[in-house]
Amino acid sequence: MYHENHHGDGRLALWCNAFPEARDALLRAEPRRFFVPPYMGPSGWIGVRLDRRLPWSRVGAIVRDAWHRSAPPRLLAALEGEDGAGGEA
């Protein structure tokens, strides 16, 4: 989810569903770039600050992981089969 100044928080950010280990590591390593978003944070989501010069390759990897965490299993399996990463094409 994209948020710009959500309820006046002053952040330009994405909120992404995150794997617990990855979320905890990001929060510890870079608290200026990552945060626990309101509402969704207790469910495991992470806030990604887009206004803190985070390389787009890292943003893309976080979004990709969020999609993998949220996507229906059948869709994941179908796409993994298409790109050769997990099945027949």
PDB file of N, CA and C in Angstrom:
ATOM      1  N   MET A   1       0.841  -1.164   0.000  1.00  0.00           N
ATOM      2  CA  MET A   1       0.000   0.000   0.000  1.00  0.00           C
ATOM      3  C   MET A   1       0.893   1.237   0.000  1.00  0.00           C
ATOM      4  N   TYR A   2       0.502   2.209  -0.784  1.00  0.00           N
ATOM      5  CA  TYR A   2       1.238   3.463  -0.887  1.00  0.00           C
ATOM      6  C   TYR A   2       0.585   4.499   0.020  1.00  0.00           C
ATOM      7  N   HIS A   3       1.413   5.234   0.776  1.00  0.00           N
ATOM      8  CA  HIS A   3       0.895   6.289   1.651  1.00  0.00           C
ATOM      9  C   HIS A   3       1.760   7.527   1.539  1.00  0.00           C
ATOM     10  N   GLU A   4       1.106   8.658   1.413  1.00  0.00           N
ATOM     11  CA  GLU A   4       1.797   9.943   1.421  1.00  0.00           C
ATOM     12  C   GLU A   4       1.204  10.785   2.548  1.00  0.00           C
ATOM     13  N   ASN A   5       2.007  11.008   3.582  1.00  0.00           N
ATOM     14  CA  ASN A   5       1.601  11.810   4.737  1.00  0.00           C
ATOM     15  C   ASN A   5       0.336  11.244   5.397  1.00  0.00           C
ATOM     16  N   HIS A   6       0.332   9.947   5.621  1.00  0.00           N
ATOM     17  CA  HIS A   6      -0.818   9.258   6.211  1.00  0.00           C
ATOM     18  C   HIS A   6      -1.147   9.856   7.580  1.00  0.00           C
ATOM     19  N   HIS A   7      -2.305  10.424   7.699  1.00  0.00           N
ATOM     20  CA  HIS A   7      -2.759  11.076   8.937  1.00  0.00           C
ATOM     21  C   HIS A   7      -1.713  12.056   9.473  1.00  0.00           C
ATOM     22  N   GLY A   8      -1.023  12.748   8.569  1.00  0.00           N
ATOM     23  CA  GLY A   8      -0.055  13.765   8.961  1.00  0.00           C
ATOM     24  C   GLY A   8       1.257  13.241   9.507  1.00  0.00           C
ATOM     25  N   ASP A   9       1.640  11.999   9.164  1.00  0.00           N
ATOM     26  CA  ASP A   9       2.887  11.436   9.706  1.00  0.00           C
ATOM     27  C   ASP A   9       4.143  11.938   9.004  1.00  0.00           C
ATOM     28  N   GLY A  10       3.979  12.674   7.879  1.00  0.00           N
ATOM     29  CA  GLY A  10       5.126  13.242   7.177  1.00  0.00           C
ATOM     30  C   GLY A  10       5.938  12.258   6.365  1.00  0.00           C
ATOM     31  N   ARG A  11       5.436  11.060   6.167  1.00  0.00           N
ATOM     32  CA  ARG A  11       6.187  10.026   5.445  1.00  0.00           C
ATOM     33  C   ARG A  11       5.634   9.816   4.038  1.00  0.00           C
ATOM     34  N   LEU A  12       6.542   9.535   3.131  1.00  0.00           N
ATOM     35  CA  LEU A  12       6.207   9.004   1.812  1.00  0.00           C
ATOM     36  C   LEU A  12       6.667   7.548   1.888  1.00  0.00           C
ATOM     37  N   ALA A  13       5.707   6.620   1.873  1.00  0.00           N
ATOM     38  CA  ALA A  13       6.075   5.244   2.202  1.00  0.00           C
ATOM     39  C   ALA A  13       5.187   4.211   1.533  1.00  0.00           C
ATOM     40  N   LEU A  14       5.730   3.006   1.490  1.00  0.00           N
ATOM     41  CA  LEU A  14       4.961   1.811   1.144  1.00  0.00           C
ATOM     42  C   LEU A  14       4.792   1.008   2.419  1.00  0.00           C
ATOM     43  N   TRP A  15       3.639   0.375   2.552  1.00  0.00           N
ATOM     44  CA  TRP A  15       3.433  -0.588   3.617  1.00  0.00           C
ATOM     45  C   TRP A  15       3.372  -1.947   2.942  1.00  0.00           C
ATOM     46  N   CYS A  16       4.220  -2.864   3.383  1.00  0.00           N
ATOM     47  CA  CYS A  16       4.341  -4.165   2.731  1.00  0.00           C
ATOM     48  C   CYS A  16       4.223  -5.296   3.738  1.00  0.00           C
ATOM     49  N   ASN A  17       3.526  -6.346   3.333  1.00  0.00           N
ATOM     50  CA  ASN A  17       3.468  -7.554   4.132  1.00  0.00           C
ATOM     51  C   ASN A  17       4.872  -8.156   4.129  1.00  0.00           C
ATOM     52  N   ALA A  18       5.372  -8.535   5.294  1.00  0.00           N
ATOM     53  CA  ALA A  18       6.767  -8.972   5.379  1.00  0.00           C
ATOM     54  C   ALA A  18       6.893 -10.300   6.112  1.00  0.00           C
ATOM     55  N   PHE A  19       7.901 -11.072   5.725  1.00  0.00           N
ATOM     56  CA  PHE A  19       8.253 -12.266   6.478  1.00  0.00           C
ATOM     57  C   PHE A  19       8.841 -11.801   7.813  1.00  0.00           C
ATOM     58  N   PRO A  20       8.476 -12.414   8.930  1.00  0.00           N
ATOM     59  CA  PRO A  20       8.880 -11.915  10.251  1.00  0.00           C
ATOM     60  C   PRO A  20      10.382 -11.703  10.419  1.00  0.00           C
ATOM     61  N   GLU A  21      11.185 -12.655   9.960  1.00  0.00           N
ATOM     62  CA  GLU A  21      12.639 -12.521  10.137  1.00  0.00           C
ATOM     63  C   GLU A  21      13.183 -11.333   9.353  1.00  0.00           C
ATOM     64  N   ALA A  22      12.691 -11.158   8.130  1.00  0.00           N
ATOM     65  CA  ALA A  22      13.147 -10.043   7.289  1.00  0.00           C
ATOM     66  C   ALA A  22      12.721  -8.720   7.895  1.00  0.00           C
ATOM     67  N   ARG A  23      11.477  -8.654   8.338  1.00  0.00           N
ATOM     68  CA  ARG A  23      10.971  -7.416   8.946  1.00  0.00           C
ATOM     69  C   ARG A  23      11.817  -7.026  10.151  1.00  0.00           C
ATOM     70  N   ASP A  24      12.052  -7.957  11.049  1.00  0.00           N
ATOM     71  CA  ASP A  24      12.821  -7.661  12.256  1.00  0.00           C
ATOM     72  C   ASP A  24      14.242  -7.211  11.925  1.00  0.00           C
ATOM     73  N   ALA A  25      14.851  -7.860  10.953  1.00  0.00           N
ATOM     74  CA  ALA A  25      16.215  -7.495  10.562  1.00  0.00           C
ATOM     75  C   ALA A  25      16.260  -6.080   9.973  1.00  0.00           C
ATOM     76  N   LEU A  26      15.301  -5.747   9.121  1.00  0.00           N
ATOM     77  CA  LEU A  26      15.267  -4.405   8.526  1.00  0.00           C
ATOM     78  C   LEU A  26      15.033  -3.332   9.586  1.00  0.00           C
ATOM     79  N   LEU A  27      14.121  -3.587  10.494  1.00  0.00           N
ATOM     80  CA  LEU A  27      13.834  -2.614  11.551  1.00  0.00           C
ATOM     81  C   LEU A  27      15.054  -2.372  12.436  1.00  0.00           C
ATOM     82  N   ARG A  28      15.788  -3.435  12.753  1.00  0.00           N
ATOM     83  CA  ARG A  28      16.991  -3.289  13.586  1.00  0.00           C
ATOM     84  C   ARG A  28      18.111  -2.573  12.838  1.00  0.00           C
ATOM     85  N   ALA A  29      18.324  -2.953  11.581  1.00  0.00           N
ATOM     86  CA  ALA A  29      19.471  -2.458  10.822  1.00  0.00           C
ATOM     87  C   ALA A  29      19.304  -1.016  10.349  1.00  0.00           C
ATOM     88  N   GLU A  30      18.084  -0.641   9.969  1.00  0.00           N
ATOM     89  CA  GLU A  30      17.886   0.683   9.369  1.00  0.00           C
ATOM     90  C   GLU A  30      16.589   1.342   9.834  1.00  0.00           C
ATOM     91  N   PRO A  31      16.540   1.746  11.103  1.00  0.00           N
ATOM     92  CA  PRO A  31      15.301   2.332  11.625  1.00  0.00           C
ATOM     93  C   PRO A  31      14.921   3.664  10.981  1.00  0.00           C
ATOM     94  N   ARG A  32      15.839   4.323  10.303  1.00  0.00           N
ATOM     95  CA  ARG A  32      15.495   5.567   9.592  1.00  0.00           C
ATOM     96  C   ARG A  32      14.728   5.276   8.301  1.00  0.00           C
ATOM     97  N   ARG A  33      14.929   4.100   7.743  1.00  0.00           N
ATOM     98  CA  ARG A  33      14.297   3.752   6.470  1.00  0.00           C
ATOM     99  C   ARG A  33      13.067   2.855   6.621  1.00  0.00           C
ATOM    100  N   PHE A  34      12.960   2.169   7.738  1.00  0.00           N
ATOM    101  CA  PHE A  34      11.877   1.211   7.943  1.00  0.00           C
ATOM    102  C   PHE A  34      11.182   1.480   9.264  1.00  0.00           C
ATOM    103  N   PHE A  35       9.884   1.177   9.322  1.00  0.00           N
ATOM    104  CA  PHE A  35       9.099   1.414  10.531  1.00  0.00           C
ATOM    105  C   PHE A  35       7.941   0.424  10.580  1.00  0.00           C
ATOM    106  N   VAL A  36       7.339   0.327  11.747  1.00  0.00           N
ATOM    107  CA  VAL A  36       6.150  -0.502  11.921  1.00  0.00           C
ATOM    108  C   VAL A  36       4.946   0.395  11.631  1.00  0.00           C
ATOM    109  N   PRO A  37       4.202   0.110  10.568  1.00  0.00           N
ATOM    110  CA  PRO A  37       3.081   0.972  10.216  1.00  0.00           C
ATOM    111  C   PRO A  37       1.886   0.767  11.155  1.00  0.00           C
ATOM    112  N   PRO A  38       1.118   1.840  11.364  1.00  0.00           N
ATOM    113  CA  PRO A  38      -0.081   1.688  12.184  1.00  0.00           C
ATOM    114  C   PRO A  38      -1.066   0.741  11.503  1.00  0.00           C
ATOM    115  N   TYR A  39      -1.922   0.177  12.297  1.00  0.00           N
ATOM    116  CA  TYR A  39      -2.976  -0.737  11.839  1.00  0.00           C
ATOM    117  C   TYR A  39      -2.418  -2.070  11.348  1.00  0.00           C
ATOM    118  N   MET A  40      -1.528  -2.047  10.350  1.00  0.00           N
ATOM    119  CA  MET A  40      -1.042  -3.269   9.715  1.00  0.00           C
ATOM    120  C   MET A  40       0.210  -3.832  10.390  1.00  0.00           C
ATOM    121  N   GLY A  41       0.929  -3.013  11.112  1.00  0.00           N
ATOM    122  CA  GLY A  41       2.169  -3.442  11.756  1.00  0.00           C
ATOM    123  C   GLY A  41       2.023  -4.664  12.647  1.00  0.00           C
ATOM    124  N   PRO A  42       0.992  -4.702  13.508  1.00  0.00           N
ATOM    125  CA  PRO A  42       0.838  -5.882  14.363  1.00  0.00           C
ATOM    126  C   PRO A  42       0.590  -7.177  13.587  1.00  0.00           C
ATOM    127  N   SER A  43       0.186  -7.056  12.321  1.00  0.00           N
ATOM    128  CA  SER A  43      -0.035  -8.245  11.485  1.00  0.00           C
ATOM    129  C   SER A  43       1.211  -8.636  10.696  1.00  0.00           C
ATOM    130  N   GLY A  44       2.336  -7.973  10.958  1.00  0.00           N
ATOM    131  CA  GLY A  44       3.592  -8.345  10.326  1.00  0.00           C
ATOM    132  C   GLY A  44       4.038  -7.453   9.189  1.00  0.00           C
ATOM    133  N   TRP A  45       3.346  -6.367   8.938  1.00  0.00           N
ATOM    134  CA  TRP A  45       3.724  -5.501   7.833  1.00  0.00           C
ATOM    135  C   TRP A  45       4.864  -4.572   8.237  1.00  0.00           C
ATOM    136  N   ILE A  46       5.577  -4.063   7.223  1.00  0.00           N
ATOM    137  CA  ILE A  46       6.668  -3.120   7.445  1.00  0.00           C
ATOM    138  C   ILE A  46       6.431  -1.876   6.598  1.00  0.00           C
ATOM    139  N   GLY A  47       6.800  -0.734   7.151  1.00  0.00           N
ATOM    140  CA  GLY A  47       6.761   0.510   6.407  1.00  0.00           C
ATOM    141  C   GLY A  47       8.120   0.764   5.787  1.00  0.00           C
ATOM    142  N   VAL A  48       8.117   1.135   4.514  1.00  0.00           N
ATOM    143  CA  VAL A  48       9.346   1.398   3.762  1.00  0.00           C
ATOM    144  C   VAL A  48       9.338   2.870   3.372  1.00  0.00           C
ATOM    145  N   ARG A  49      10.258   3.656   3.922  1.00  0.00           N
ATOM    146  CA  ARG A  49      10.318   5.084   3.635  1.00  0.00           C
ATOM    147  C   ARG A  49      10.891   5.305   2.234  1.00  0.00           C
ATOM    148  N   LEU A  50      10.106   5.897   1.363  1.00  0.00           N
ATOM    149  CA  LEU A  50      10.563   6.203   0.008  1.00  0.00           C
ATOM    150  C   LEU A  50      11.301   7.536  -0.048  1.00  0.00           C
ATOM    151  N   ASP A  51      11.231   8.305   1.017  1.00  0.00           N
ATOM    152  CA  ASP A  51      11.889   9.608   1.078  1.00  0.00           C
ATOM    153  C   ASP A  51      13.250   9.546   1.769  1.00  0.00           C
ATOM    154  N   ARG A  52      13.820   8.356   1.882  1.00  0.00           N
ATOM    155  CA  ARG A  52      15.108   8.171   2.557  1.00  0.00           C
ATOM    156  C   ARG A  52      16.172   7.555   1.658  1.00  0.00           C
ATOM    157  N   ARG A  53      16.064   7.787   0.371  1.00  0.00           N
ATOM    158  CA  ARG A  53      17.077   7.370  -0.607  1.00  0.00           C
ATOM    159  C   ARG A  53      17.403   5.874  -0.563  1.00  0.00           C
ATOM    160  N   LEU A  54      16.391   5.092  -0.452  1.00  0.00           N
ATOM    161  CA  LEU A  54      16.560   3.644  -0.499  1.00  0.00           C
ATOM    162  C   LEU A  54      16.692   3.235  -1.966  1.00  0.00           C
ATOM    163  N   PRO A  55      17.700   2.451  -2.325  1.00  0.00           N
ATOM    164  CA  PRO A  55      17.841   2.040  -3.731  1.00  0.00           C
ATOM    165  C   PRO A  55      16.583   1.313  -4.225  1.00  0.00           C
ATOM    166  N   TRP A  56      16.182   1.637  -5.443  1.00  0.00           N
ATOM    167  CA  TRP A  56      14.973   1.031  -6.013  1.00  0.00           C
ATOM    168  C   TRP A  56      15.078  -0.478  -6.111  1.00  0.00           C
ATOM    169  N   SER A  57      16.280  -1.002  -6.259  1.00  0.00           N
ATOM    170  CA  SER A  57      16.431  -2.461  -6.300  1.00  0.00           C
ATOM    171  C   SER A  57      16.014  -3.086  -4.966  1.00  0.00           C
ATOM    172  N   ARG A  58      16.310  -2.415  -3.860  1.00  0.00           N
ATOM    173  CA  ARG A  58      15.883  -2.921  -2.542  1.00  0.00           C
ATOM    174  C   ARG A  58      14.381  -2.784  -2.368  1.00  0.00           C
ATOM    175  N   VAL A  59      13.827  -1.655  -2.807  1.00  0.00           N
ATOM    176  CA  VAL A  59      12.376  -1.475  -2.733  1.00  0.00           C
ATOM    177  C   VAL A  59      11.697  -2.586  -3.533  1.00  0.00           C
ATOM    178  N   GLY A  60      12.194  -2.849  -4.729  1.00  0.00           N
ATOM    179  CA  GLY A  60      11.631  -3.898  -5.567  1.00  0.00           C
ATOM    180  C   GLY A  60      11.689  -5.262  -4.896  1.00  0.00           C
ATOM    181  N   ALA A  61      12.790  -5.566  -4.239  1.00  0.00           N
ATOM    182  CA  ALA A  61      12.928  -6.856  -3.556  1.00  0.00           C
ATOM    183  C   ALA A  61      11.935  -6.974  -2.398  1.00  0.00           C
ATOM    184  N   ILE A  62      11.721  -5.886  -1.679  1.00  0.00           N
ATOM    185  CA  ILE A  62      10.773  -5.896  -0.564  1.00  0.00           C
ATOM    186  C   ILE A  62       9.350  -6.071  -1.086  1.00  0.00           C
ATOM    187  N   VAL A  63       9.021  -5.385  -2.168  1.00  0.00           N
ATOM    188  CA  VAL A  63       7.684  -5.516  -2.768  1.00  0.00           C
ATOM    189  C   VAL A  63       7.480  -6.929  -3.291  1.00  0.00           C
ATOM    190  N   ARG A  64       8.495  -7.493  -3.926  1.00  0.00           N
ATOM    191  CA  ARG A  64       8.414  -8.872  -4.435  1.00  0.00           C
ATOM    192  C   ARG A  64       8.180  -9.852  -3.281  1.00  0.00           C
ATOM    193  N   ASP A  65       8.912  -9.685  -2.184  1.00  0.00           N
ATOM    194  CA  ASP A  65       8.712 -10.554  -1.016  1.00  0.00           C
ATOM    195  C   ASP A  65       7.305 -10.390  -0.447  1.00  0.00           C
ATOM    196  N   ALA A  66       6.818  -9.151  -0.410  1.00  0.00           N
ATOM    197  CA  ALA A  66       5.463  -8.901   0.103  1.00  0.00           C
ATOM    198  C   ALA A  66       4.431  -9.606  -0.768  1.00  0.00           C
ATOM    199  N   TRP A  67       4.636  -9.554  -2.069  1.00  0.00           N
ATOM    200  CA  TRP A  67       3.712 -10.224  -2.976  1.00  0.00           C
ATOM    201  C   TRP A  67       3.742 -11.735  -2.743  1.00  0.00           C
ATOM    202  N   HIS A  68       4.938 -12.287  -2.586  1.00  0.00           N
ATOM    203  CA  HIS A  68       5.059 -13.732  -2.334  1.00  0.00           C
ATOM    204  C   HIS A  68       4.393 -14.112  -1.016  1.00  0.00           C
ATOM    205  N   ARG A  69       4.432 -13.234  -0.054  1.00  0.00           N
ATOM    206  CA  ARG A  69       3.802 -13.518   1.247  1.00  0.00           C
ATOM    207  C   ARG A  69       2.277 -13.448   1.157  1.00  0.00           C
ATOM    208  N   SER A  70       1.762 -12.647   0.235  1.00  0.00           N
ATOM    209  CA  SER A  70       0.322 -12.389   0.165  1.00  0.00           C
ATOM    210  C   SER A  70      -0.410 -13.129  -0.951  1.00  0.00           C
ATOM    211  N   ALA A  71       0.297 -13.542  -1.971  1.00  0.00           N
ATOM    212  CA  ALA A  71      -0.352 -14.129  -3.149  1.00  0.00           C
ATOM    213  C   ALA A  71      -0.957 -15.495  -2.835  1.00  0.00           C
ATOM    214  N   PRO A  72      -2.044 -15.823  -3.504  1.00  0.00           N
ATOM    215  CA  PRO A  72      -2.630 -17.162  -3.336  1.00  0.00           C
ATOM    216  C   PRO A  72      -1.659 -18.238  -3.818  1.00  0.00           C
ATOM    217  N   PRO A  73      -1.597 -19.358  -3.125  1.00  0.00           N
ATOM    218  CA  PRO A  73      -0.647 -20.421  -3.486  1.00  0.00           C
ATOM    219  C   PRO A  73      -0.756 -20.881  -4.937  1.00  0.00           C
ATOM    220  N   ARG A  74      -1.964 -20.991  -5.479  1.00  0.00           N
ATOM    221  CA  ARG A  74      -2.106 -21.443  -6.873  1.00  0.00           C
ATOM    222  C   ARG A  74      -1.483 -20.442  -7.840  1.00  0.00           C
ATOM    223  N   LEU A  75      -1.637 -19.160  -7.576  1.00  0.00           N
ATOM    224  CA  LEU A  75      -1.047 -18.149  -8.441  1.00  0.00           C
ATOM    225  C   LEU A  75       0.478 -18.181  -8.347  1.00  0.00           C
ATOM    226  N   LEU A  76       0.992 -18.313  -7.144  1.00  0.00           N
ATOM    227  CA  LEU A  76       2.445 -18.431  -6.977  1.00  0.00           C
ATOM    228  C   LEU A  76       2.991 -19.620  -7.748  1.00  0.00           C
ATOM    229  N   ALA A  77       2.337 -20.760  -7.617  1.00  0.00           N
ATOM    230  CA  ALA A  77       2.792 -21.964  -8.305  1.00  0.00           C
ATOM    231  C   ALA A  77       2.751 -21.790  -9.817  1.00  0.00           C
ATOM    232  N   ALA A  78       1.701 -21.170 -10.322  1.00  0.00           N
ATOM    233  CA  ALA A  78       1.581 -20.954 -11.767  1.00  0.00           C
ATOM    234  C   ALA A  78       2.681 -20.044 -12.278  1.00  0.00           C
ATOM    235  N   LEU A  79       2.962 -18.961 -11.561  1.00  0.00           N
ATOM    236  CA  LEU A  79       3.995 -18.030 -12.016  1.00  0.00           C
ATOM    237  C   LEU A  79       5.383 -18.615 -11.887  1.00  0.00           C
ATOM    238  N   GLU A  80       5.626 -19.376 -10.859  1.00  0.00           N
ATOM    239  CA  GLU A  80       6.938 -20.021 -10.704  1.00  0.00           C
ATOM    240  C   GLU A  80       7.161 -21.019 -11.824  1.00  0.00           C
ATOM    241  N   GLY A  81       6.108 -21.682 -12.264  1.00  0.00           N
ATOM    242  CA  GLY A  81       6.209 -22.610 -13.386  1.00  0.00           C
ATOM    243  C   GLY A  81       6.507 -21.894 -14.685  1.00  0.00           C
ATOM    244  N   GLU A  82       5.959 -20.694 -14.883  1.00  0.00           N
ATOM    245  CA  GLU A  82       6.181 -19.932 -16.115  1.00  0.00           C
ATOM    246  C   GLU A  82       7.619 -19.467 -16.254  1.00  0.00           C
ATOM    247  N   ASP A  83       8.235 -19.061 -15.140  1.00  0.00           N
ATOM    248  CA  ASP A  83       9.593 -18.524 -15.255  1.00  0.00           C
ATOM    249  C   ASP A  83      10.681 -19.569 -15.024  1.00  0.00           C
ATOM    250  N   GLY A  84      10.255 -20.828 -14.860  1.00  0.00           N
ATOM    251  CA  GLY A  84      11.224 -21.905 -14.706  1.00  0.00           C
ATOM    252  C   GLY A  84      11.776 -22.052 -13.303  1.00  0.00           C
ATOM    253  N   ALA A  85      11.240 -21.265 -12.356  1.00  0.00           N
ATOM    254  CA  ALA A  85      11.786 -21.300 -11.007  1.00  0.00           C
ATOM    255  C   ALA A  85      11.197 -22.408 -10.147  1.00  0.00           C
ATOM    256  N   GLY A  86      10.118 -23.033 -10.595  1.00  0.00           N
ATOM    257  CA  GLY A  86       9.551 -24.009  -9.697  1.00  0.00           C
ATOM    258  C   GLY A  86       8.685 -25.043 -10.374  1.00  0.00           C
ATOM    259  N   GLY A  87       8.766 -25.163 -11.664  1.00  0.00           N
ATOM    260  CA  GLY A  87       7.932 -26.152 -12.322  1.00  0.00           C
ATOM    261  C   GLY A  87       8.136 -26.125 -13.808  1.00  0.00           C
ATOM    262  N   GLU A  88       7.271 -26.808 -14.515  1.00  0.00           N
ATOM    263  CA  GLU A  88       7.392 -26.862 -15.970  1.00  0.00           C
ATOM    264  C   GLU A  88       6.725 -25.664 -16.603  1.00  0.00           C
ATOM    265  N   ALA A  89       7.283 -25.232 -17.715  1.00  0.00           N
ATOM    266  CA  ALA A  89       6.727 -24.093 -18.432  1.00  0.00           C
ATOM    267  C   ALA A  89       5.612 -24.533 -19.352  1.00  0.00           C
TER     268      ALA A  89
END
